[in-house]
């Protein structure tokens, strides 16, 4: 995987996430199952997490020995999904803005950076490529699948 590959996959996922979110019925924004977040919660999270991981990348760049990452119990993460405010278009726009910030930071990475070691709060020592795959690519892929499932379930309910 090259830095250009990471950027391309991130762009593709951003486009698909925003397309799916914009196509959602605003009436289903707060519909959820007991096991899943609502669309509003997913979108609020999409508006929150890219900024966090942008800061983590900046922190790592400033101090490669810094411990980066977070757990599911992170206060800002929990606050974002606890009581998401805003209408569908506002939540989508917040996600779009957050995606742009992360994309700009990813734009500064080189192929050599991807192999550089990081110290992850949950997973220990790993290359930056693994960190990015987990917290950007796989993370967004999971939320894309979640949005698609929520849209389908809301229509069927």
C-alpha atoms as a PDB file:
ATOM      1  CA  UNK A   1       0.000   0.000   0.000  1.00  0.00           C
ATOM      2  CA  UNK A   2       1.362   3.424  -0.927  1.00  0.00           C
ATOM      3  CA  UNK A   3       0.429   6.814   0.464  1.00  0.00           C
ATOM      4  CA  UNK A   4      -1.394   7.491  -2.809  1.00  0.00           C
ATOM      5  CA  UNK A   5      -3.361   4.254  -2.323  1.00  0.00           C
ATOM      6  CA  UNK A   6      -4.404   5.348   1.171  1.00  0.00           C
ATOM      7  CA  UNK A   7      -5.474   8.761  -0.131  1.00  0.00           C
ATOM      8  CA  UNK A   8      -7.411   7.231  -3.042  1.00  0.00           C
ATOM      9  CA  UNK A   9      -9.249   4.774  -0.804  1.00  0.00           C
ATOM     10  CA  UNK A  10     -10.009   7.533   1.682  1.00  0.00           C
ATOM     11  CA  UNK A  11     -11.449   9.713  -1.128  1.00  0.00           C
ATOM     12  CA  UNK A  12     -13.561   6.833  -2.426  1.00  0.00           C
ATOM     13  CA  UNK A  13     -14.951   6.101   1.024  1.00  0.00           C
ATOM     14  CA  UNK A  14     -15.660   9.775   1.709  1.00  0.00           C
ATOM     15  CA  UNK A  15     -17.600  10.026  -1.545  1.00  0.00           C
ATOM     16  CA  UNK A  16     -19.614   6.886  -0.858  1.00  0.00           C
ATOM     17  CA  UNK A  17     -20.324   7.841   2.762  1.00  0.00           C
ATOM     18  CA  UNK A  18     -21.546  11.295   1.799  1.00  0.00           C
ATOM     19  CA  UNK A  19     -23.622   9.936  -1.094  1.00  0.00           C
ATOM     20  CA  UNK A  20     -25.313   7.367   1.157  1.00  0.00           C
ATOM     21  CA  UNK A  21     -25.912   9.912   3.909  1.00  0.00           C
ATOM     22  CA  UNK A  22     -27.379  12.499   1.537  1.00  0.00           C
ATOM     23  CA  UNK A  23     -29.717   9.879   0.068  1.00  0.00           C
ATOM     24  CA  UNK A  24     -31.126   9.015   3.502  1.00  0.00           C
ATOM     25  CA  UNK A  25     -34.680   9.951   4.425  1.00  0.00           C
ATOM     26  CA  UNK A  26     -34.498  12.709   7.060  1.00  0.00           C
ATOM     27  CA  UNK A  27     -37.521  11.128   8.740  1.00  0.00           C
ATOM     28  CA  UNK A  28     -35.363   8.125   9.601  1.00  0.00           C
ATOM     29  CA  UNK A  29     -32.506  10.155  11.059  1.00  0.00           C
ATOM     30  CA  UNK A  30     -33.084   8.988  14.637  1.00  0.00           C
ATOM     31  CA  UNK A  31     -34.349   5.470  13.882  1.00  0.00           C
ATOM     32  CA  UNK A  32     -32.154   2.795  15.445  1.00  0.00           C
ATOM     33  CA  UNK A  33     -32.177  -0.753  16.669  1.00  0.00           C
ATOM     34  CA  UNK A  34     -31.092  -1.693  20.177  1.00  0.00           C
ATOM     35  CA  UNK A  35     -27.799  -2.971  18.778  1.00  0.00           C
ATOM     36  CA  UNK A  36     -26.948  -0.144  16.374  1.00  0.00           C
ATOM     37  CA  UNK A  37     -26.535   3.604  16.415  1.00  0.00           C
ATOM     38  CA  UNK A  38     -29.055   5.767  14.585  1.00  0.00           C
ATOM     39  CA  UNK A  39     -28.072   7.479  11.353  1.00  0.00           C
ATOM     40  CA  UNK A  40     -27.789  10.733  13.330  1.00  0.00           C
ATOM     41  CA  UNK A  41     -25.325   9.069  15.700  1.00  0.00           C
ATOM     42  CA  UNK A  42     -23.268   7.593  12.864  1.00  0.00           C
ATOM     43  CA  UNK A  43     -23.132  10.954  11.104  1.00  0.00           C
ATOM     44  CA  UNK A  44     -22.209  12.746  14.332  1.00  0.00           C
ATOM     45  CA  UNK A  45     -19.382  10.243  14.776  1.00  0.00           C
ATOM     46  CA  UNK A  46     -18.276  10.804  11.171  1.00  0.00           C
ATOM     47  CA  UNK A  47     -18.142  14.514  11.977  1.00  0.00           C
ATOM     48  CA  UNK A  48     -16.029  13.847  15.069  1.00  0.00           C
ATOM     49  CA  UNK A  49     -13.536  11.048  14.479  1.00  0.00           C
ATOM     50  CA  UNK A  50     -11.607  12.414  11.447  1.00  0.00           C
ATOM     51  CA  UNK A  51     -10.559  15.462  13.476  1.00  0.00           C
ATOM     52  CA  UNK A  52      -9.378  13.257  16.312  1.00  0.00           C
ATOM     53  CA  UNK A  53      -7.266  11.079  14.048  1.00  0.00           C
ATOM     54  CA  UNK A  54      -5.937  14.130  12.205  1.00  0.00           C
ATOM     55  CA  UNK A  55      -4.667  15.404  15.553  1.00  0.00           C
ATOM     56  CA  UNK A  56      -3.211  11.987  16.320  1.00  0.00           C
ATOM     57  CA  UNK A  57      -1.281  12.025  13.035  1.00  0.00           C
ATOM     58  CA  UNK A  58       0.012  15.512  13.798  1.00  0.00           C
ATOM     59  CA  UNK A  59       0.979  14.426  17.297  1.00  0.00           C
ATOM     60  CA  UNK A  60       2.825  11.407  15.913  1.00  0.00           C
ATOM     61  CA  UNK A  61       4.619  13.545  13.356  1.00  0.00           C
ATOM     62  CA  UNK A  62       5.752  15.969  16.090  1.00  0.00           C
ATOM     63  CA  UNK A  63       6.807  13.114  18.389  1.00  0.00           C
ATOM     64  CA  UNK A  64       7.098   9.661  16.793  1.00  0.00           C
ATOM     65  CA  UNK A  65       7.299   8.097  20.281  1.00  0.00           C
ATOM     66  CA  UNK A  66       3.909   9.524  21.334  1.00  0.00           C
ATOM     67  CA  UNK A  67       1.198   6.993  22.152  1.00  0.00           C
ATOM     68  CA  UNK A  68      -1.642   7.467  19.654  1.00  0.00           C
ATOM     69  CA  UNK A  69      -5.127   6.081  19.131  1.00  0.00           C
ATOM     70  CA  UNK A  70      -8.054   5.745  21.500  1.00  0.00           C
ATOM     71  CA  UNK A  71     -10.460   3.308  23.055  1.00  0.00           C
ATOM     72  CA  UNK A  72     -14.231   3.113  22.661  1.00  0.00           C
ATOM     73  CA  UNK A  73     -14.547   4.904  25.991  1.00  0.00           C
ATOM     74  CA  UNK A  74     -13.005   8.148  24.672  1.00  0.00           C
ATOM     75  CA  UNK A  75     -15.064  11.073  26.048  1.00  0.00           C
ATOM     76  CA  UNK A  76     -15.290  13.089  22.802  1.00  0.00           C
ATOM     77  CA  UNK A  77     -16.392  10.001  20.886  1.00  0.00           C
ATOM     78  CA  UNK A  78     -19.085   9.212  23.417  1.00  0.00           C
ATOM     79  CA  UNK A  79     -20.288  12.825  23.573  1.00  0.00           C
ATOM     80  CA  UNK A  80     -20.614  13.025  19.786  1.00  0.00           C
ATOM     81  CA  UNK A  81     -22.920  10.025  19.599  1.00  0.00           C
ATOM     82  CA  UNK A  82     -24.749  10.515  22.901  1.00  0.00           C
ATOM     83  CA  UNK A  83     -27.135  13.206  21.707  1.00  0.00           C
ATOM     84  CA  UNK A  84     -26.409  14.237  18.122  1.00  0.00           C
ATOM     85  CA  UNK A  85     -27.826  17.618  17.268  1.00  0.00           C
ATOM     86  CA  UNK A  86     -28.734  18.919  13.843  1.00  0.00           C
ATOM     87  CA  UNK A  87     -30.721  18.019  10.810  1.00  0.00           C
ATOM     88  CA  UNK A  88     -29.531  15.602   8.142  1.00  0.00           C
ATOM     89  CA  UNK A  89     -27.963  18.312   5.969  1.00  0.00           C
ATOM     90  CA  UNK A  90     -26.087  19.789   8.951  1.00  0.00           C
ATOM     91  CA  UNK A  91     -24.733  16.413  10.034  1.00  0.00           C
ATOM     92  CA  UNK A  92     -23.667  15.600   6.463  1.00  0.00           C
ATOM     93  CA  UNK A  93     -21.923  18.966   6.144  1.00  0.00           C
ATOM     94  CA  UNK A  94     -20.075  18.432   9.445  1.00  0.00           C
ATOM     95  CA  UNK A  95     -18.899  15.040   8.174  1.00  0.00           C
ATOM     96  CA  UNK A  96     -17.844  16.580   4.844  1.00  0.00           C
ATOM     97  CA  UNK A  97     -15.795  19.235   6.669  1.00  0.00           C
ATOM     98  CA  UNK A  98     -14.177  16.655   8.956  1.00  0.00           C
ATOM     99  CA  UNK A  99     -13.339  14.453   5.979  1.00  0.00           C
ATOM    100  CA  UNK A 100     -11.616  17.398   4.268  1.00  0.00           C
ATOM    101  CA  UNK A 101      -9.417  18.039   7.312  1.00  0.00           C
ATOM    102  CA  UNK A 102      -8.321  14.407   7.473  1.00  0.00           C
ATOM    103  CA  UNK A 103      -7.782  14.251   3.697  1.00  0.00           C
ATOM    104  CA  UNK A 104      -5.499  17.283   3.904  1.00  0.00           C
ATOM    105  CA  UNK A 105      -3.433  15.619   6.630  1.00  0.00           C
ATOM    106  CA  UNK A 106      -3.246  12.371   4.657  1.00  0.00           C
ATOM    107  CA  UNK A 107      -1.973  14.491   1.776  1.00  0.00           C
ATOM    108  CA  UNK A 108       1.196  15.192   3.754  1.00  0.00           C
ATOM    109  CA  UNK A 109       2.141  11.514   4.181  1.00  0.00           C
ATOM    110  CA  UNK A 110       4.876   9.819   2.191  1.00  0.00           C
ATOM    111  CA  UNK A 111       5.322   6.146   1.405  1.00  0.00           C
ATOM    112  CA  UNK A 112       8.145   6.054   3.958  1.00  0.00           C
ATOM    113  CA  UNK A 113       5.794   7.397   6.634  1.00  0.00           C
ATOM    114  CA  UNK A 114       3.521   4.394   6.148  1.00  0.00           C
ATOM    115  CA  UNK A 115       6.241   2.008   7.304  1.00  0.00           C
ATOM    116  CA  UNK A 116       7.300   4.166  10.246  1.00  0.00           C
ATOM    117  CA  UNK A 117       6.542   2.709  13.675  1.00  0.00           C
ATOM    118  CA  UNK A 118       3.808   4.033  15.929  1.00  0.00           C
ATOM    119  CA  UNK A 119       2.824   3.180  19.485  1.00  0.00           C
ATOM    120  CA  UNK A 120      -0.910   2.502  19.627  1.00  0.00           C
ATOM    121  CA  UNK A 121      -2.781   2.885  22.901  1.00  0.00           C
ATOM    122  CA  UNK A 122      -4.627  -0.417  22.334  1.00  0.00           C
ATOM    123  CA  UNK A 123      -2.458  -2.417  19.962  1.00  0.00           C
ATOM    124  CA  UNK A 124       1.113  -1.524  20.888  1.00  0.00           C
ATOM    125  CA  UNK A 125       3.845  -1.048  18.321  1.00  0.00           C
ATOM    126  CA  UNK A 126       2.705  -1.131  14.704  1.00  0.00           C
ATOM    127  CA  UNK A 127       3.498   0.622  11.417  1.00  0.00           C
ATOM    128  CA  UNK A 128       1.527   3.736  10.550  1.00  0.00           C
ATOM    129  CA  UNK A 129      -0.055   1.848   7.621  1.00  0.00           C
ATOM    130  CA  UNK A 130      -1.750  -0.522  10.097  1.00  0.00           C
ATOM    131  CA  UNK A 131      -2.961   2.426  12.178  1.00  0.00           C
ATOM    132  CA  UNK A 132      -4.411   4.115   9.066  1.00  0.00           C
ATOM    133  CA  UNK A 133      -5.993   0.917   7.810  1.00  0.00           C
ATOM    134  CA  UNK A 134      -7.724   0.327  11.137  1.00  0.00           C
ATOM    135  CA  UNK A 135      -8.766   3.880  12.067  1.00  0.00           C
ATOM    136  CA  UNK A 136      -9.419   5.377   8.651  1.00  0.00           C
ATOM    137  CA  UNK A 137     -10.035   2.803   5.912  1.00  0.00           C
ATOM    138  CA  UNK A 138     -11.627  -0.066   7.851  1.00  0.00           C
ATOM    139  CA  UNK A 139     -13.369   2.377  10.175  1.00  0.00           C
ATOM    140  CA  UNK A 140     -15.027   4.245   7.313  1.00  0.00           C
ATOM    141  CA  UNK A 141     -15.827   0.978   5.516  1.00  0.00           C
ATOM    142  CA  UNK A 142     -17.644  -0.247   8.611  1.00  0.00           C
ATOM    143  CA  UNK A 143     -19.653   2.945   8.905  1.00  0.00           C
ATOM    144  CA  UNK A 144     -20.522   2.828   5.204  1.00  0.00           C
ATOM    145  CA  UNK A 145     -21.972  -0.643   5.677  1.00  0.00           C
ATOM    146  CA  UNK A 146     -23.748   0.590   8.803  1.00  0.00           C
ATOM    147  CA  UNK A 147     -25.373   3.515   6.966  1.00  0.00           C
ATOM    148  CA  UNK A 148     -26.521   1.249   4.153  1.00  0.00           C
ATOM    149  CA  UNK A 149     -28.019  -1.216   6.640  1.00  0.00           C
ATOM    150  CA  UNK A 150     -29.724   1.575   8.601  1.00  0.00           C
ATOM    151  CA  UNK A 151     -31.234   3.063   5.449  1.00  0.00           C
ATOM    152  CA  UNK A 152     -32.543  -0.326   4.387  1.00  0.00           C
ATOM    153  CA  UNK A 153     -33.928  -1.177   7.839  1.00  0.00           C
ATOM    154  CA  UNK A 154     -35.592   2.232   8.219  1.00  0.00           C
ATOM    155  CA  UNK A 155     -37.419   1.733   4.922  1.00  0.00           C
ATOM    156  CA  UNK A 156     -38.502  -1.774   5.908  1.00  0.00           C
ATOM    157  CA  UNK A 157     -39.771  -0.766   9.362  1.00  0.00           C
END
